[in-house]
Amino acid sequence: MIDKAEREGMEIWASFIFGFDNDDAEIFDTTYEKLNEWGIKVAEFNILTPFPKTPIFKKLLKERRIFTFDWSKYDLRHVVFEPKQMEAKELEREVKRISRKFFSLDKILARSILSKHKILSFLANYSIRTFIYGL
């Protein structure tokens, strides 16, 4: 499906959320391998954030797994709850690690060269690297 979309002139922008109850530490390397296997040129990596009044917020609140109500941390970059299969710090660290790996300058350049939309791909990746992840 990705190949077909690219043949039609579309660029795939993949967005991932980590921290669901079935996510363990292996999910990060598996995701990175699949991104490369599928030839995804642009992606973003987020931490599950239980925003108020959502079903996930209610579930985690009921399970007493939310450990902060500092709303400045509810930004998709900080862990505000206790994940089931890893420590909160590990989840945050691993999302940063996969982000640094995916958005390293050599990886951005390599993906951009392979893209049909080279300049757009480079600008999208570099913008995410700079403005979202501060790398």
Foldseek 3Di string as FASTA:
>chain_A
DCVVCVVVVDADEEEEEDQAQPDALVVLVVVLVVCVVSLHLHYAYFYDADDPPDPVVVVQVVVVFFQDPPVVQRPRQADRGQGNHDGRVSRNVSNLVSLCVCLPPVNNQVSLVVGPNNVVSSVNSVCCVCPVNND
